[in-house]
Amino acid sequence: MSTSPKIALCLPGGGITGAMYQIGALSALEDAVVGLDARAFDVYVGAASGATIAAALAGGVPVQRLYRALLDPADNYFPLERSHILRMDFDEWRRTLTSTVLAFAQGARSLASRAPTPAPADLWEQLDRLYDSLPAGIFTLDAFERFLEEVFLRRGVPNHFPSLPRALRIVAHDLDSGERVLFGAPGHDGVPVARACCASLALPLFFSPVRIDDRQYVDASVGRSAHIDVATAEGADLVVVVNPMVPIRAEAGQVPTGHGHRASVRDKGALWVYNQAMRIGAHARLHETSAAAVREGRLLLIEPESTDAALFLHNPASFAARRSILEFAYRTTRERVRSWVDANAVAVARAGWQLATPES
């Protein structure tokens, strides 16, 4: 007797705009495939911003409800605001100030001990001490954790892994060992889900590492991209990956900046140069590791085209930009589902999916 295949959903990171794309794409996939429910995958694997979406779906939140809520600024179903994420880490800045004063004091004593007069090279050597006084992160995710706890409570999403209706694995990296950690797996399932989401989201330079017990954790995206191997280790026969992290192919004059439309991503400054570099690396790693699985029909990869990704250049705090990304992801996914089905016939047959008719 045949058994239903075990299907996993992997949601890698991509920032707020990437999460918007994932919500829009999954909403379109539900509408395009008969009987598909984004809450009914057997295993969910979330990384960085994708961890929050994975946790919500594994906890029973309808993706269509998230989609409608984020389209309407008056809808408070998921009332995420800038202040929930961009909250200065004052404790870290106090540590920075203290360590800077200590570094100056030690440097001054070291220079004073060098007779008769310190050389310029000695001065630069002492200034190097300040590198270790830089903050470990600019922002803290404490407010975002409280926000998730409140949303989970109101929407009936358990904040403990064993209580979730579906298996959830949230990926982060241990800062002091470099090891990948799977929150939700045996031995790491006692961590609150909201805290695990924050640990997975703690992108270096931007967010301070998240402390859990006596360990520090950072963003899962610094290593593998979609962590497909986690899903296969859980016994998944088919893995669906919704990947928003593709390199942006910017057309001349089409890059939106605070000082008008410009020709290059460079014109958006250092943060976007860094973001584009992250996209290039993540996309290359994902395609290198997933090529065989795609050919064998064990993986269905949903992602925007590089020219489409220019939409992500807009400010995610803007409601107009948020709406554009959600609607764009929905529209393009609906348009491309049939071609994906044709190109991935083995994977679709493995899942037992059927396309809905245009009228349904």
Protein backbone atom coordinates (compact mmCIF):
# COMPACT_ATOMS: atom_id res chain seq x y z
CA MET A 1 0.00 0.00 0.00
CA SER A 2 1.40 3.40 -0.99
CA THR A 3 1.95 6.03 1.67
CA SER A 4 1.82 9.80 1.38
CA PRO A 5 5.20 11.41 0.78
CA LYS A 6 6.77 13.41 3.58
CA ILE A 7 7.11 17.00 2.39
CA ALA A 8 9.21 19.72 4.00
CA LEU A 9 9.13 23.47 3.57
CA CYS A 10 12.40 25.39 3.84
CA LEU A 11 12.30 29.14 4.28
CA PRO A 12 15.76 30.75 4.18
CA GLY A 13 16.30 34.35 5.18
CA GLY A 14 16.08 37.47 3.11
CA GLY A 15 15.18 40.24 5.51
CA ILE A 16 11.74 41.80 5.80
CA THR A 17 11.32 42.02 2.04
CA GLY A 18 12.31 38.36 1.71
CA ALA A 19 9.67 37.36 4.25
CA MET A 20 7.10 39.35 2.27
CA TYR A 21 8.07 37.49 -0.87
CA GLN A 22 7.72 34.12 0.89
CA ILE A 23 4.24 34.98 2.19
CA GLY A 24 3.08 36.13 -1.23
CA ALA A 25 4.58 33.13 -3.02
CA LEU A 26 3.11 30.60 -0.58
CA SER A 27 -0.31 32.26 -0.85
CA ALA A 28 -0.14 31.90 -4.62
CA LEU A 29 1.03 28.30 -4.35
CA GLU A 30 -1.96 27.47 -2.15
CA ASP A 31 -4.32 28.95 -4.75
CA ALA A 32 -2.57 27.24 -7.64
CA VAL A 33 -2.42 23.69 -6.26
CA VAL A 34 -5.57 21.77 -5.39
CA GLY A 35 -5.91 21.15 -1.65
CA LEU A 36 -2.50 22.57 -0.72
CA ASP A 37 -2.33 24.15 2.73
CA ALA A 38 0.89 25.88 3.77
CA ARG A 39 0.13 24.78 7.36
CA ALA A 40 0.14 21.10 6.41
CA PHE A 41 3.75 20.43 5.48
CA ASP A 42 5.29 17.64 7.54
CA VAL A 43 8.46 19.54 8.49
CA TYR A 44 9.32 23.24 8.55
CA VAL A 45 12.90 24.52 8.43
CA GLY A 46 13.37 28.23 9.01
CA ALA A 47 16.47 30.39 8.94
CA ALA A 48 16.91 34.11 9.73
CA SER A 49 13.75 36.03 8.71
CA GLY A 50 12.29 32.80 7.31
CA ALA A 51 12.31 31.32 10.82
CA THR A 52 9.44 33.58 11.93
CA ILE A 53 7.30 32.63 8.92
CA ALA A 54 8.11 28.93 9.43
CA ALA A 55 7.18 29.16 13.12
CA ALA A 56 3.87 30.84 12.35
CA LEU A 57 2.93 28.22 9.73
CA ALA A 58 4.04 25.31 11.93
CA GLY A 59 1.88 26.80 14.68
CA GLY A 60 -1.22 26.85 12.49
CA VAL A 61 -1.36 30.45 11.24
CA PRO A 62 -2.95 30.58 7.74
CA VAL A 63 -0.56 32.10 5.22
CA GLN A 64 -3.49 33.73 3.42
CA ARG A 65 -4.36 35.54 6.67
CA LEU A 66 -0.82 36.84 6.97
CA TYR A 67 -0.97 37.95 3.34
CA ARG A 68 -4.19 39.92 3.88
CA ALA A 69 -2.93 41.44 7.12
CA LEU A 70 0.27 42.73 5.59
CA LEU A 71 -1.63 44.20 2.63
CA ASP A 72 -3.81 46.30 4.94
CA PRO A 73 -2.08 48.80 7.25
CA ALA A 74 -5.21 48.92 9.42
CA ASP A 75 -5.17 45.16 10.04
CA ASN A 76 -3.54 44.35 13.40
CA TYR A 77 -3.31 40.59 12.90
CA PHE A 78 0.50 40.82 12.61
CA PRO A 79 1.29 44.44 13.57
CA LEU A 80 5.04 44.47 12.96
CA GLU A 81 6.61 47.92 13.23
CA ARG A 82 10.08 49.33 12.67
CA SER A 83 10.55 49.79 16.44
CA HIS A 84 10.22 46.05 17.02
CA ILE A 85 13.43 45.41 15.08
CA LEU A 86 15.46 48.63 15.03
CA ARG A 87 15.91 48.98 18.80
CA MET A 88 19.34 50.23 19.90
CA ASP A 89 21.27 47.80 22.08
CA PHE A 90 22.21 50.26 24.85
CA ASP A 91 23.74 47.53 27.02
CA GLU A 92 26.14 46.71 24.20
CA TRP A 93 26.99 50.36 23.67
CA ARG A 94 27.70 50.75 27.41
CA ARG A 95 30.04 47.78 27.17
CA THR A 96 31.71 49.45 24.20
CA LEU A 97 32.20 52.69 26.10
CA THR A 98 33.70 50.90 29.10
CA SER A 99 36.05 48.79 27.00
CA THR A 100 37.13 51.86 25.01
CA VAL A 101 38.10 53.69 28.18
CA LEU A 102 40.06 50.63 29.38
CA ALA A 103 41.78 50.32 26.00
CA PHE A 104 42.84 53.97 26.06
CA ALA A 105 44.15 53.59 29.62
CA GLN A 106 46.18 50.49 28.77
CA GLY A 107 47.46 52.11 25.59
CA ALA A 108 48.53 55.23 27.44
CA ARG A 109 50.42 53.17 30.03
CA SER A 110 52.10 51.18 27.28
CA LEU A 111 53.21 54.33 25.43
CA ALA A 112 54.45 55.94 28.63
CA SER A 113 56.69 52.96 29.29
CA ARG A 114 58.45 53.35 25.96
CA ALA A 115 61.39 55.71 26.23
CA PRO A 116 62.49 58.18 25.25
CA THR A 117 59.69 58.99 22.76
CA PRO A 118 57.21 56.50 21.25
CA ALA A 119 57.52 56.05 17.50
CA PRO A 120 54.49 56.60 15.20
CA ALA A 121 54.30 52.82 14.72
CA ASP A 122 53.87 52.47 18.49
CA LEU A 123 50.92 54.85 18.39
CA TRP A 124 49.17 52.87 15.64
CA GLU A 125 49.84 49.67 17.57
CA GLN A 126 47.96 51.07 20.57
CA LEU A 127 45.10 52.35 18.43
CA ASP A 128 44.62 48.79 17.20
CA ARG A 129 43.33 48.01 20.69
CA LEU A 130 40.15 49.90 19.78
CA TYR A 131 39.13 47.26 17.25
CA ASP A 132 38.23 44.99 20.14
CA SER A 133 36.04 47.73 21.61
CA LEU A 134 33.67 47.95 18.65
CA PRO A 135 30.09 46.93 19.51
CA ALA A 136 29.08 43.33 18.82
CA GLY A 137 25.91 44.69 17.23
CA ILE A 138 24.02 47.93 16.76
CA PHE A 139 20.51 46.72 17.52
CA THR A 140 18.96 44.30 19.98
CA LEU A 141 16.20 41.80 19.15
CA ASP A 142 14.65 41.87 22.63
CA ALA A 143 11.68 43.97 21.46
CA PHE A 144 11.11 41.65 18.51
CA GLU A 145 11.09 38.65 20.86
CA ARG A 146 8.42 40.30 23.03
CA PHE A 147 6.44 41.13 19.89
CA LEU A 148 6.55 37.49 18.73
CA GLU A 149 5.54 36.23 22.17
CA GLU A 150 2.48 38.49 22.13
CA VAL A 151 1.53 37.56 18.56
CA PHE A 152 1.95 33.85 19.25
CA LEU A 153 -0.21 34.14 22.38
CA ARG A 154 -3.00 36.00 20.56
CA ARG A 155 -2.96 33.70 17.52
CA GLY A 156 -2.76 30.43 19.45
CA VAL A 157 0.77 29.52 18.36
CA PRO A 158 2.61 27.53 21.07
CA ASN A 159 5.86 29.11 22.15
CA HIS A 160 7.39 25.70 22.94
CA PHE A 161 8.56 23.32 20.24
CA PRO A 162 7.01 20.11 21.65
CA SER A 163 3.57 21.75 21.64
CA LEU A 164 3.61 22.77 17.98
CA PRO A 165 1.25 20.78 15.72
CA ARG A 166 4.01 20.37 13.11
CA ALA A 167 7.73 19.66 13.32
CA LEU A 168 9.78 22.86 13.28
CA ARG A 169 13.53 23.29 13.05
CA ILE A 170 15.01 26.77 13.46
CA VAL A 171 18.64 27.12 12.50
CA ALA A 172 21.29 29.31 14.13
CA HIS A 173 25.05 29.20 14.64
CA ASP A 174 26.88 29.07 17.94
CA LEU A 175 29.17 32.11 17.89
CA ASP A 176 31.92 30.60 20.04
CA SER A 177 32.12 27.16 18.43
CA GLY A 178 30.95 27.84 14.88
CA GLU A 179 28.59 24.87 15.10
CA ARG A 180 25.17 24.85 13.52
CA VAL A 181 22.37 24.36 16.04
CA LEU A 182 18.87 23.12 15.22
CA PHE A 183 16.40 24.52 17.72
CA GLY A 184 13.43 22.17 17.97
CA ALA A 185 15.57 19.06 17.50
CA PRO A 186 16.07 16.71 20.48
CA GLY A 187 18.34 18.38 23.00
CA HIS A 188 17.46 21.87 21.74
CA ASP A 189 13.67 21.80 22.06
CA GLY A 190 13.42 23.46 25.48
CA VAL A 191 14.12 26.93 24.05
CA PRO A 192 11.11 29.23 23.55
CA VAL A 193 10.24 29.41 19.85
CA ALA A 194 10.31 33.22 19.84
CA ARG A 195 13.81 33.22 21.35
CA ALA A 196 15.02 30.71 18.76
CA CYS A 197 13.62 32.92 15.98
CA CYS A 198 15.63 35.85 17.32
CA ALA A 199 18.81 33.76 17.55
CA SER A 200 18.39 32.77 13.91
CA LEU A 201 17.80 36.40 12.92
CA ALA A 202 20.85 37.92 14.65
CA LEU A 203 22.77 39.06 11.57
CA PRO A 204 26.33 40.07 12.52
CA LEU A 205 27.13 43.79 12.50
CA PHE A 206 23.44 44.73 12.68
CA PHE A 207 22.13 42.71 15.64
CA SER A 208 23.93 41.68 18.78
CA PRO A 209 24.30 37.92 19.28
CA VAL A 210 21.38 36.35 21.15
CA ARG A 211 22.21 34.64 24.43
CA ILE A 212 20.52 31.34 25.23
CA ASP A 213 21.66 29.77 28.49
CA ASP A 214 25.43 30.33 28.46
CA ARG A 215 25.88 30.38 24.66
CA GLN A 216 25.75 33.17 22.08
CA TYR A 217 24.03 32.65 18.71
CA VAL A 218 24.05 34.45 15.36
CA ASP A 219 22.18 34.37 12.04
CA ALA A 220 21.80 31.00 10.33
CA SER A 221 22.45 32.48 6.87
CA VAL A 222 26.18 32.92 7.47
CA GLY A 223 26.67 29.23 6.60
CA ARG A 224 24.42 27.17 4.40
CA SER A 225 21.58 28.91 2.61
CA ALA A 226 18.36 26.91 2.84
CA HIS A 227 19.60 24.09 5.11
CA ILE A 228 18.00 21.51 2.84
CA ASP A 229 20.01 18.75 4.51
CA VAL A 230 18.04 19.38 7.71
CA ALA A 231 14.80 18.54 5.91
CA THR A 232 16.21 15.40 4.28
CA ALA A 233 17.62 14.25 7.62
CA GLU A 234 14.06 14.52 8.97
CA GLY A 235 12.99 12.02 6.32
CA ALA A 236 11.47 14.41 3.76
CA ASP A 237 10.82 12.83 0.36
CA LEU A 238 10.31 16.24 -1.23
CA VAL A 239 11.63 19.63 -0.13
CA VAL A 240 10.00 22.90 -1.20
CA VAL A 241 12.30 25.92 -0.90
CA VAL A 242 11.02 29.49 -1.23
CA ASN A 243 14.21 31.49 -1.69
CA PRO A 244 14.10 35.31 -1.92
CA MET A 245 17.90 35.70 -1.83
CA VAL A 246 18.83 36.12 -5.47
CA PRO A 247 21.36 38.65 -6.77
CA ILE A 248 19.70 41.85 -7.91
CA ARG A 249 20.20 42.74 -11.55
CA ALA A 250 19.77 46.49 -11.49
CA GLU A 251 18.93 48.36 -14.67
CA ALA A 252 20.57 51.74 -15.22
CA GLY A 253 18.52 54.50 -13.64
CA GLN A 254 16.21 52.05 -11.85
CA VAL A 255 17.88 51.86 -8.42
CA PRO A 256 15.75 53.76 -5.87
CA THR A 257 17.75 55.74 -3.32
CA GLY A 258 17.06 58.51 -0.85
CA HIS A 259 18.56 60.93 -3.36
CA GLY A 260 16.66 59.81 -6.46
CA HIS A 261 16.92 56.91 -8.90
CA ARG A 262 20.48 55.96 -9.73
CA ALA A 263 22.40 53.56 -11.97
CA SER A 264 24.03 51.12 -9.57
CA VAL A 265 23.48 49.27 -6.30
CA ARG A 266 26.64 51.08 -5.18
CA ASP A 267 24.58 54.28 -5.09
CA LYS A 268 22.57 52.85 -2.17
CA GLY A 269 25.67 52.77 0.00
CA ALA A 270 27.61 50.25 2.06
CA LEU A 271 24.65 48.38 3.51
CA TRP A 272 23.27 47.47 0.12
CA VAL A 273 26.69 46.62 -1.27
CA TYR A 274 26.96 44.19 1.66
CA ASN A 275 23.42 42.92 1.02
CA GLN A 276 24.17 42.28 -2.65
CA ALA A 277 27.35 40.41 -1.71
CA MET A 278 25.32 38.25 0.70
CA ARG A 279 22.79 37.55 -2.06
CA ILE A 280 25.48 36.51 -4.52
CA GLY A 281 27.05 34.10 -2.04
CA ALA A 282 23.77 32.64 -0.74
CA HIS A 283 22.38 32.09 -4.24
CA ALA A 284 25.55 30.38 -5.45
CA ARG A 285 25.70 28.08 -2.41
CA LEU A 286 22.05 27.14 -2.72
CA HIS A 287 22.26 26.24 -6.40
CA GLU A 288 25.49 24.30 -5.95
CA THR A 289 24.04 22.19 -3.14
CA SER A 290 20.58 21.71 -4.64
CA ALA A 291 21.33 21.00 -8.32
CA ALA A 292 21.28 17.21 -7.97
CA ALA A 293 18.11 17.22 -5.84
CA VAL A 294 16.31 19.40 -8.41
CA ARG A 295 17.32 17.08 -11.26
CA GLU A 296 16.15 14.02 -9.32
CA GLY A 297 12.79 15.56 -8.45
CA ARG A 298 13.48 15.74 -4.72
CA LEU A 299 13.42 19.53 -4.50
CA LEU A 300 11.14 22.27 -5.82
CA LEU A 301 12.85 25.67 -5.80
CA ILE A 302 10.72 28.82 -5.95
CA GLU A 303 12.56 32.10 -6.33
CA PRO A 304 12.27 35.39 -8.21
CA GLU A 305 14.25 36.24 -11.31
CA SER A 306 17.26 38.51 -10.81
CA THR A 307 15.53 41.33 -12.67
CA ASP A 308 12.45 40.86 -10.48
CA ALA A 309 14.54 41.16 -7.34
CA ALA A 310 15.13 44.87 -7.98
CA LEU A 311 11.79 45.33 -6.21
CA PHE A 312 13.56 44.42 -2.96
CA LEU A 313 15.62 47.61 -3.23
CA HIS A 314 12.66 49.64 -1.97
CA ASN A 315 12.30 50.55 1.70
CA PRO A 316 10.44 47.68 3.48
CA ALA A 317 9.08 50.13 6.05
CA SER A 318 7.06 51.75 3.27
CA PHE A 319 3.54 50.35 3.05
CA ALA A 320 3.49 50.92 -0.72
CA ALA A 321 6.72 48.91 -1.12
CA ARG A 322 5.41 46.14 1.16
CA ARG A 323 2.20 45.89 -0.84
CA SER A 324 4.12 45.85 -4.13
CA ILE A 325 6.35 42.98 -2.97
CA LEU A 326 3.44 40.91 -1.66
CA GLU A 327 1.33 41.38 -4.79
CA PHE A 328 4.32 40.87 -7.07
CA ALA A 329 5.27 37.61 -5.34
CA TYR A 330 1.69 36.37 -5.57
CA ARG A 331 1.25 37.31 -9.23
CA THR A 332 4.56 35.97 -10.49
CA THR A 333 4.24 32.73 -8.54
CA ARG A 334 0.77 32.10 -9.97
CA GLU A 335 2.14 32.82 -13.44
CA ARG A 336 5.12 30.50 -13.05
CA VAL A 337 3.55 27.59 -11.21
CA ARG A 338 2.53 25.82 -14.41
CA SER A 339 6.01 26.14 -15.89
CA TRP A 340 7.49 24.89 -12.60
CA VAL A 341 5.11 21.94 -12.69
CA ASP A 342 6.14 21.14 -16.26
CA ALA A 343 9.84 21.47 -15.43
CA ASN A 344 9.55 19.49 -12.19
CA ALA A 345 7.12 16.77 -13.19
CA VAL A 346 8.86 14.15 -11.04
CA ALA A 347 8.76 16.32 -7.91
CA VAL A 348 5.14 17.29 -8.46
CA ALA A 349 4.12 13.67 -9.03
CA ARG A 350 6.01 12.70 -5.87
CA ALA A 351 3.98 15.27 -3.92
CA GLY A 352 0.70 14.17 -5.48
CA TRP A 353 -0.14 17.76 -6.44
CA GLN A 354 -2.61 18.84 -9.10
CA LEU A 355 -2.98 22.30 -10.56
CA ALA A 356 -6.23 24.09 -9.87
CA THR A 357 -8.24 25.15 -12.90
CA PRO A 358 -8.31 28.90 -13.59
CA GLU A 359 -11.94 29.02 -12.40
CA SER A 360 -11.23 27.37 -9.02
